Amino acid sequence: MWIQDLRESCESNFDQRERGQLEVEVIRDKWRTAHSEGEVDESLLEGLERRSKLLIGAQDHEWSELLDDEDFWKAGWGSRVEE
């Protein structure tokens, strides 16, 4: 749910990066609150935080690339897997 909400907010602002980044910050506050209330587990929080950091720090071309990257939106993206 949270990843989908994040993606929808970003895609609705695909051509307005700065506005999209502000929405990412709003959503980030909501999932942090949900985490503190026990509604979001640690692994999901980590994945959301990794994505939000990249989205908030992105420039125009990076923003577009992230929004178009299907792997970026998949569950488990960017997680550290023990080998």
PDB file of N, CA and C in Angstrom:
ATOM      1  N   MET A   1       0.818  -1.192   0.000  1.00  0.00           N
ATOM      2  CA  MET A   1       0.000   0.000   0.000  1.00  0.00           C
ATOM      3  C   MET A   1       0.867   1.263   0.000  1.00  0.00           C
ATOM      4  N   TRP A   2       1.848   1.318   0.888  1.00  0.00           N
ATOM      5  CA  TRP A   2       2.675   2.533   0.998  1.00  0.00           C
ATOM      6  C   TRP A   2       3.495   2.772  -0.263  1.00  0.00           C
ATOM      7  N   ILE A   3       4.059   1.712  -0.823  1.00  0.00           N
ATOM      8  CA  ILE A   3       4.853   1.883  -2.046  1.00  0.00           C
ATOM      9  C   ILE A   3       3.954   2.354  -3.169  1.00  0.00           C
ATOM     10  N   GLN A   4       2.765   1.785  -3.264  1.00  0.00           N
ATOM     11  CA  GLN A   4       1.823   2.197  -4.304  1.00  0.00           C
ATOM     12  C   GLN A   4       1.406   3.657  -4.126  1.00  0.00           C
ATOM     13  N   ASP A   5       1.139   4.072  -2.900  1.00  0.00           N
ATOM     14  CA  ASP A   5       0.784   5.470  -2.639  1.00  0.00           C
ATOM     15  C   ASP A   5       1.930   6.406  -3.017  1.00  0.00           C
ATOM     16  N   LEU A   6       3.133   5.995  -2.669  1.00  0.00           N
ATOM     17  CA  LEU A   6       4.312   6.793  -3.004  1.00  0.00           C
ATOM     18  C   LEU A   6       4.441   6.929  -4.519  1.00  0.00           C
ATOM     19  N   ARG A   7       4.301   5.816  -5.212  1.00  0.00           N
ATOM     20  CA  ARG A   7       4.427   5.832  -6.673  1.00  0.00           C
ATOM     21  C   ARG A   7       3.356   6.706  -7.315  1.00  0.00           C
ATOM     22  N   GLU A   8       2.132   6.573  -6.864  1.00  0.00           N
ATOM     23  CA  GLU A   8       1.044   7.368  -7.433  1.00  0.00           C
ATOM     24  C   GLU A   8       1.267   8.864  -7.220  1.00  0.00           C
ATOM     25  N   SER A   9       1.736   9.239  -6.054  1.00  0.00           N
ATOM     26  CA  SER A   9       2.017  10.652  -5.783  1.00  0.00           C
ATOM     27  C   SER A   9       3.118  11.178  -6.686  1.00  0.00           C
ATOM     28  N   CYS A  10       4.142  10.371  -6.866  1.00  0.00           N
ATOM     29  CA  CYS A  10       5.256  10.792  -7.724  1.00  0.00           C
ATOM     30  C   CYS A  10       4.813  10.897  -9.181  1.00  0.00           C
ATOM     31  N   GLU A  11       4.095   9.883  -9.643  1.00  0.00           N
ATOM     32  CA  GLU A  11       3.672   9.880 -11.044  1.00  0.00           C
ATOM     33  C   GLU A  11       2.670  10.983 -11.352  1.00  0.00           C
ATOM     34  N   SER A  12       1.870  11.364 -10.365  1.00  0.00           N
ATOM     35  CA  SER A  12       0.934  12.454 -10.615  1.00  0.00           C
ATOM     36  C   SER A  12       1.681  13.789 -10.726  1.00  0.00           C
ATOM     37  N   ASN A  13       2.931  13.793 -10.319  1.00  0.00           N
ATOM     38  CA  ASN A  13       3.772  14.991 -10.420  1.00  0.00           C
ATOM     39  C   ASN A  13       5.019  14.728 -11.259  1.00  0.00           C
ATOM     40  N   PHE A  14       4.892  13.864 -12.266  1.00  0.00           N
ATOM     41  CA  PHE A  14       6.051  13.494 -13.068  1.00  0.00           C
ATOM     42  C   PHE A  14       6.701  14.693 -13.733  1.00  0.00           C
ATOM     43  N   ASP A  15       5.916  15.702 -14.042  1.00  0.00           N
ATOM     44  CA  ASP A  15       6.464  16.883 -14.710  1.00  0.00           C
ATOM     45  C   ASP A  15       6.632  18.077 -13.757  1.00  0.00           C
ATOM     46  N   GLN A  16       6.434  17.819 -12.461  1.00  0.00           N
ATOM     47  CA  GLN A  16       6.594  18.856 -11.436  1.00  0.00           C
ATOM     48  C   GLN A  16       7.409  18.264 -10.282  1.00  0.00           C
ATOM     49  N   ARG A  17       8.686  18.036 -10.554  1.00  0.00           N
ATOM     50  CA  ARG A  17       9.560  17.341  -9.612  1.00  0.00           C
ATOM     51  C   ARG A  17       9.497  17.928  -8.207  1.00  0.00           C
ATOM     52  N   GLU A  18       9.627  19.226  -8.085  1.00  0.00           N
ATOM     53  CA  GLU A  18       9.678  19.836  -6.759  1.00  0.00           C
ATOM     54  C   GLU A  18       8.381  19.607  -5.979  1.00  0.00           C
ATOM     55  N   ARG A  19       7.274  19.706  -6.648  1.00  0.00           N
ATOM     56  CA  ARG A  19       5.987  19.443  -5.992  1.00  0.00           C
ATOM     57  C   ARG A  19       5.903  17.973  -5.590  1.00  0.00           C
ATOM     58  N   GLY A  20       6.360  17.102  -6.471  1.00  0.00           N
ATOM     59  CA  GLY A  20       6.384  15.676  -6.158  1.00  0.00           C
ATOM     60  C   GLY A  20       7.258  15.375  -4.959  1.00  0.00           C
ATOM     61  N   GLN A  21       8.392  16.045  -4.868  1.00  0.00           N
ATOM     62  CA  GLN A  21       9.290  15.832  -3.740  1.00  0.00           C
ATOM     63  C   GLN A  21       8.655  16.290  -2.424  1.00  0.00           C
ATOM     64  N   LEU A  22       7.892  17.353  -2.482  1.00  0.00           N
ATOM     65  CA  LEU A  22       7.169  17.792  -1.282  1.00  0.00           C
ATOM     66  C   LEU A  22       6.136  16.754  -0.857  1.00  0.00           C
ATOM     67  N   GLU A  23       5.471  16.153  -1.827  1.00  0.00           N
ATOM     68  CA  GLU A  23       4.496  15.117  -1.509  1.00  0.00           C
ATOM     69  C   GLU A  23       5.179  13.882  -0.929  1.00  0.00           C
ATOM     70  N   VAL A  24       6.376  13.569  -1.417  1.00  0.00           N
ATOM     71  CA  VAL A  24       7.141  12.452  -0.857  1.00  0.00           C
ATOM     72  C   VAL A  24       7.411  12.714   0.626  1.00  0.00           C
ATOM     73  N   GLU A  25       7.776  13.939   0.954  1.00  0.00           N
ATOM     74  CA  GLU A  25       8.038  14.283   2.356  1.00  0.00           C
ATOM     75  C   GLU A  25       6.791  14.127   3.218  1.00  0.00           C
ATOM     76  N   VAL A  26       5.629  14.498   2.691  1.00  0.00           N
ATOM     77  CA  VAL A  26       4.368  14.361   3.433  1.00  0.00           C
ATOM     78  C   VAL A  26       4.059  12.883   3.669  1.00  0.00           C
ATOM     79  N   ILE A  27       4.182  12.083   2.626  1.00  0.00           N
ATOM     80  CA  ILE A  27       3.910  10.652   2.748  1.00  0.00           C
ATOM     81  C   ILE A  27       4.917  10.002   3.694  1.00  0.00           C
ATOM     82  N   ARG A  28       6.174  10.437   3.611  1.00  0.00           N
ATOM     83  CA  ARG A  28       7.216   9.887   4.490  1.00  0.00           C
ATOM     84  C   ARG A  28       6.849  10.115   5.957  1.00  0.00           C
ATOM     85  N   ASP A  29       6.344  11.287   6.275  1.00  0.00           N
ATOM     86  CA  ASP A  29       5.925  11.556   7.652  1.00  0.00           C
ATOM     87  C   ASP A  29       4.795  10.611   8.076  1.00  0.00           C
ATOM     88  N   LYS A  30       3.888  10.314   7.159  1.00  0.00           N
ATOM     89  CA  LYS A  30       2.769   9.417   7.478  1.00  0.00           C
ATOM     90  C   LYS A  30       3.251   8.000   7.741  1.00  0.00           C
ATOM     91  N   TRP A  31       4.180   7.490   6.917  1.00  0.00           N
ATOM     92  CA  TRP A  31       4.615   6.113   7.166  1.00  0.00           C
ATOM     93  C   TRP A  31       5.512   6.030   8.389  1.00  0.00           C
ATOM     94  N   ARG A  32       6.225   7.097   8.704  1.00  0.00           N
ATOM     95  CA  ARG A  32       7.015   7.104   9.940  1.00  0.00           C
ATOM     96  C   ARG A  32       6.096   7.058  11.160  1.00  0.00           C
ATOM     97  N   THR A  33       4.992   7.785  11.093  1.00  0.00           N
ATOM     98  CA  THR A  33       4.015   7.745  12.174  1.00  0.00           C
ATOM     99  C   THR A  33       3.413   6.351  12.276  1.00  0.00           C
ATOM    100  N   ALA A  34       3.062   5.778  11.142  1.00  0.00           N
ATOM    101  CA  ALA A  34       2.492   4.428  11.131  1.00  0.00           C
ATOM    102  C   ALA A  34       3.494   3.419  11.701  1.00  0.00           C
ATOM    103  N   HIS A  35       4.759   3.604  11.401  1.00  0.00           N
ATOM    104  CA  HIS A  35       5.799   2.719  11.944  1.00  0.00           C
ATOM    105  C   HIS A  35       5.872   2.853  13.462  1.00  0.00           C
ATOM    106  N   SER A  36       5.843   4.069  13.949  1.00  0.00           N
ATOM    107  CA  SER A  36       5.923   4.272  15.400  1.00  0.00           C
ATOM    108  C   SER A  36       4.710   3.703  16.126  1.00  0.00           C
ATOM    109  N   GLU A  37       3.613   3.547  15.399  1.00  0.00           N
ATOM    110  CA  GLU A  37       2.399   2.967  15.979  1.00  0.00           C
ATOM    111  C   GLU A  37       2.299   1.463  15.726  1.00  0.00           C
ATOM    112  N   GLY A  38       3.356   0.896  15.150  1.00  0.00           N
ATOM    113  CA  GLY A  38       3.402  -0.541  14.915  1.00  0.00           C
ATOM    114  C   GLY A  38       2.671  -1.019  13.679  1.00  0.00           C
ATOM    115  N   GLU A  39       2.288  -0.102  12.799  1.00  0.00           N
ATOM    116  CA  GLU A  39       1.523  -0.473  11.609  1.00  0.00           C
ATOM    117  C   GLU A  39       2.411  -0.749  10.396  1.00  0.00           C
ATOM    118  N   VAL A  40       3.673  -0.349  10.448  1.00  0.00           N
ATOM    119  CA  VAL A  40       4.621  -0.571   9.356  1.00  0.00           C
ATOM    120  C   VAL A  40       5.828  -1.281   9.950  1.00  0.00           C
ATOM    121  N   ASP A  41       6.171  -2.452   9.372  1.00  0.00           N
ATOM    122  CA  ASP A  41       7.306  -3.185   9.929  1.00  0.00           C
ATOM    123  C   ASP A  41       8.635  -2.572   9.481  1.00  0.00           C
ATOM    124  N   GLU A  42       9.680  -2.998  10.118  1.00  0.00           N
ATOM    125  CA  GLU A  42      11.012  -2.407   9.920  1.00  0.00           C
ATOM    126  C   GLU A  42      11.517  -2.560   8.485  1.00  0.00           C
ATOM    127  N   SER A  43      11.326  -3.726   7.879  1.00  0.00           N
ATOM    128  CA  SER A  43      11.838  -3.930   6.520  1.00  0.00           C
ATOM    129  C   SER A  43      11.107  -3.045   5.512  1.00  0.00           C
ATOM    130  N   LEU A  44       9.814  -2.878   5.672  1.00  0.00           N
ATOM    131  CA  LEU A  44       9.070  -1.984   4.783  1.00  0.00           C
ATOM    132  C   LEU A  44       9.523  -0.546   4.978  1.00  0.00           C
ATOM    133  N   LEU A  45       9.694  -0.151   6.225  1.00  0.00           N
ATOM    134  CA  LEU A  45      10.159   1.207   6.508  1.00  0.00           C
ATOM    135  C   LEU A  45      11.511   1.466   5.841  1.00  0.00           C
ATOM    136  N   GLU A  46      12.419   0.524   5.950  1.00  0.00           N
ATOM    137  CA  GLU A  46      13.744   0.691   5.345  1.00  0.00           C
ATOM    138  C   GLU A  46      13.637   0.870   3.838  1.00  0.00           C
ATOM    139  N   GLY A  47      12.801   0.067   3.184  1.00  0.00           N
ATOM    140  CA  GLY A  47      12.621   0.193   1.737  1.00  0.00           C
ATOM    141  C   GLY A  47      12.020   1.533   1.341  1.00  0.00           C
ATOM    142  N   LEU A  48      11.041   1.977   2.099  1.00  0.00           N
ATOM    143  CA  LEU A  48      10.421   3.277   1.832  1.00  0.00           C
ATOM    144  C   LEU A  48      11.425   4.404   2.039  1.00  0.00           C
ATOM    145  N   GLU A  49      12.216   4.304   3.088  1.00  0.00           N
ATOM    146  CA  GLU A  49      13.219   5.334   3.364  1.00  0.00           C
ATOM    147  C   GLU A  49      14.272   5.398   2.255  1.00  0.00           C
ATOM    148  N   ARG A  50      14.711   4.238   1.765  1.00  0.00           N
ATOM    149  CA  ARG A  50      15.698   4.218   0.664  1.00  0.00           C
ATOM    150  C   ARG A  50      15.136   4.918  -0.570  1.00  0.00           C
ATOM    151  N   ARG A  51      13.906   4.609  -0.885  1.00  0.00           N
ATOM    152  CA  ARG A  51      13.278   5.229  -2.054  1.00  0.00           C
ATOM    153  C   ARG A  51      13.105   6.733  -1.857  1.00  0.00           C
ATOM    154  N   SER A  52      12.614   7.122  -0.685  1.00  0.00           N
ATOM    155  CA  SER A  52      12.348   8.548  -0.463  1.00  0.00           C
ATOM    156  C   SER A  52      13.633   9.362  -0.521  1.00  0.00           C
ATOM    157  N   LYS A  53      14.722   8.820  -0.016  1.00  0.00           N
ATOM    158  CA  LYS A  53      15.997   9.538  -0.048  1.00  0.00           C
ATOM    159  C   LYS A  53      16.406   9.837  -1.492  1.00  0.00           C
ATOM    160  N   LEU A  54      16.284   8.842  -2.350  1.00  0.00           N
ATOM    161  CA  LEU A  54      16.635   9.057  -3.758  1.00  0.00           C
ATOM    162  C   LEU A  54      15.668  10.017  -4.441  1.00  0.00           C
ATOM    163  N   LEU A  55      14.392   9.860  -4.178  1.00  0.00           N
ATOM    164  CA  LEU A  55      13.398  10.729  -4.809  1.00  0.00           C
ATOM    165  C   LEU A  55      13.556  12.186  -4.374  1.00  0.00           C
ATOM    166  N   ILE A  56      13.743  12.406  -3.095  1.00  0.00           N
ATOM    167  CA  ILE A  56      13.865  13.774  -2.591  1.00  0.00           C
ATOM    168  C   ILE A  56      15.149  14.431  -3.078  1.00  0.00           C
ATOM    169  N   GLY A  57      16.206  13.658  -3.257  1.00  0.00           N
ATOM    170  CA  GLY A  57      17.477  14.213  -3.702  1.00  0.00           C
ATOM    171  C   GLY A  57      17.650  14.287  -5.212  1.00  0.00           C
ATOM    172  N   ALA A  58      16.666  13.789  -5.950  1.00  0.00           N
ATOM    173  CA  ALA A  58      16.789  13.704  -7.410  1.00  0.00           C
ATOM    174  C   ALA A  58      16.675  15.068  -8.087  1.00  0.00           C
ATOM    175  N   GLN A  59      17.433  15.207  -9.147  1.00  0.00           N
ATOM    176  CA  GLN A  59      17.289  16.342 -10.057  1.00  0.00           C
ATOM    177  C   GLN A  59      16.288  15.924 -11.137  1.00  0.00           C
ATOM    178  N   ASP A  60      15.974  16.831 -12.057  1.00  0.00           N
ATOM    179  CA  ASP A  60      14.929  16.559 -13.051  1.00  0.00           C
ATOM    180  C   ASP A  60      15.128  15.249 -13.799  1.00  0.00           C
ATOM    181  N   HIS A  61      16.317  15.027 -14.366  1.00  0.00           N
ATOM    182  CA  HIS A  61      16.536  13.817 -15.165  1.00  0.00           C
ATOM    183  C   HIS A  61      16.504  12.564 -14.288  1.00  0.00           C
ATOM    184  N   GLU A  62      17.015  12.661 -13.063  1.00  0.00           N
ATOM    185  CA  GLU A  62      16.998  11.520 -12.146  1.00  0.00           C
ATOM    186  C   GLU A  62      15.568  11.195 -11.718  1.00  0.00           C
ATOM    187  N   TRP A  63      14.786  12.217 -11.488  1.00  0.00           N
ATOM    188  CA  TRP A  63      13.381  12.054 -11.106  1.00  0.00           C
ATOM    189  C   TRP A  63      12.645  11.228 -12.156  1.00  0.00           C
ATOM    190  N   SER A  64      12.802  11.621 -13.406  1.00  0.00           N
ATOM    191  CA  SER A  64      12.143  10.904 -14.498  1.00  0.00           C
ATOM    192  C   SER A  64      12.623   9.464 -14.592  1.00  0.00           C
ATOM    193  N   GLU A  65      13.923   9.262 -14.449  1.00  0.00           N
ATOM    194  CA  GLU A  65      14.482   7.909 -14.525  1.00  0.00           C
ATOM    195  C   GLU A  65      13.935   7.027 -13.402  1.00  0.00           C
ATOM    196  N   LEU A  66      13.861   7.550 -12.186  1.00  0.00           N
ATOM    197  CA  LEU A  66      13.340   6.768 -11.071  1.00  0.00           C
ATOM    198  C   LEU A  66      11.877   6.418 -11.280  1.00  0.00           C
ATOM    199  N   LEU A  67      11.086   7.364 -11.736  1.00  0.00           N
ATOM    200  CA  LEU A  67       9.673   7.110 -11.949  1.00  0.00           C
ATOM    201  C   LEU A  67       9.443   6.053 -13.022  1.00  0.00           C
ATOM    202  N   ASP A  68      10.328   5.995 -14.010  1.00  0.00           N
ATOM    203  CA  ASP A  68      10.192   5.033 -15.108  1.00  0.00           C
ATOM    204  C   ASP A  68      10.818   3.672 -14.808  1.00  0.00           C
ATOM    205  N   ASP A  69      11.572   3.563 -13.724  1.00  0.00           N
ATOM    206  CA  ASP A  69      12.287   2.332 -13.391  1.00  0.00           C
ATOM    207  C   ASP A  69      11.350   1.367 -12.654  1.00  0.00           C
ATOM    208  N   GLU A  70      10.865   0.362 -13.372  1.00  0.00           N
ATOM    209  CA  GLU A  70       9.922  -0.599 -12.772  1.00  0.00           C
ATOM    210  C   GLU A  70      10.542  -1.337 -11.586  1.00  0.00           C
ATOM    211  N   ASP A  71      11.829  -1.635 -11.653  1.00  0.00           N
ATOM    212  CA  ASP A  71      12.485  -2.342 -10.546  1.00  0.00           C
ATOM    213  C   ASP A  71      12.497  -1.508  -9.269  1.00  0.00           C
ATOM    214  N   PHE A  72      12.618  -0.198  -9.409  1.00  0.00           N
ATOM    215  CA  PHE A  72      12.632   0.710  -8.263  1.00  0.00           C
ATOM    216  C   PHE A  72      11.368   0.570  -7.422  1.00  0.00           C
ATOM    217  N   TRP A  73      10.267   0.242  -8.056  1.00  0.00           N
ATOM    218  CA  TRP A  73       8.971   0.178  -7.382  1.00  0.00           C
ATOM    219  C   TRP A  73       8.614  -1.218  -6.887  1.00  0.00           C
ATOM    220  N   LYS A  74       9.460  -2.196  -7.173  1.00  0.00           N
ATOM    221  CA  LYS A  74       9.180  -3.564  -6.735  1.00  0.00           C
ATOM    222  C   LYS A  74       9.537  -3.742  -5.265  1.00  0.00           C
ATOM    223  N   ALA A  75       8.746  -4.580  -4.606  1.00  0.00           N
ATOM    224  CA  ALA A  75       9.033  -4.904  -3.200  1.00  0.00           C
ATOM    225  C   ALA A  75      10.432  -5.497  -3.103  1.00  0.00           C
ATOM    226  N   GLY A  76      11.166  -5.086  -2.096  1.00  0.00           N
ATOM    227  CA  GLY A  76      12.507  -5.603  -1.879  1.00  0.00           C
ATOM    228  C   GLY A  76      13.601  -4.852  -2.607  1.00  0.00           C
ATOM    229  N   TRP A  77      13.230  -3.840  -3.392  1.00  0.00           N
ATOM    230  CA  TRP A  77      14.239  -3.083  -4.127  1.00  0.00           C
ATOM    231  C   TRP A  77      15.269  -2.501  -3.168  1.00  0.00           C
ATOM    232  N   GLY A  78      16.539  -2.670  -3.507  1.00  0.00           N
ATOM    233  CA  GLY A  78      17.621  -2.039  -2.752  1.00  0.00           C
ATOM    234  C   GLY A  78      17.943  -2.692  -1.423  1.00  0.00           C
ATOM    235  N   SER A  79      17.283  -3.805  -1.121  1.00  0.00           N
ATOM    236  CA  SER A  79      17.566  -4.455   0.161  1.00  0.00           C
ATOM    237  C   SER A  79      18.900  -5.164   0.095  1.00  0.00           C
ATOM    238  N   ARG A  80      19.508  -5.295   1.238  1.00  0.00           N
ATOM    239  CA  ARG A  80      20.800  -5.994   1.320  1.00  0.00           C
ATOM    240  C   ARG A  80      20.515  -7.467   1.523  1.00  0.00           C
ATOM    241  N   VAL A  81      20.964  -8.251   0.577  1.00  0.00           N
ATOM    242  CA  VAL A  81      20.749  -9.686   0.669  1.00  0.00           C
ATOM    243  C   VAL A  81      22.070 -10.339   1.071  1.00  0.00           C
ATOM    244  N   GLU A  82      22.032 -11.143   2.104  1.00  0.00           N
ATOM    245  CA  GLU A  82      23.228 -11.850   2.548  1.00  0.00           C
ATOM    246  C   GLU A  82      23.544 -12.937   1.530  1.00  0.00           C
ATOM    247  N   GLU A  83      24.810 -13.043   1.150  1.00  0.00           N
ATOM    248  CA  GLU A  83      25.216 -14.073   0.196  1.00  0.00           C
ATOM    249  C   GLU A  83      25.779 -15.269   0.914  1.00  0.00           C
TER     250      GLU A  83
END
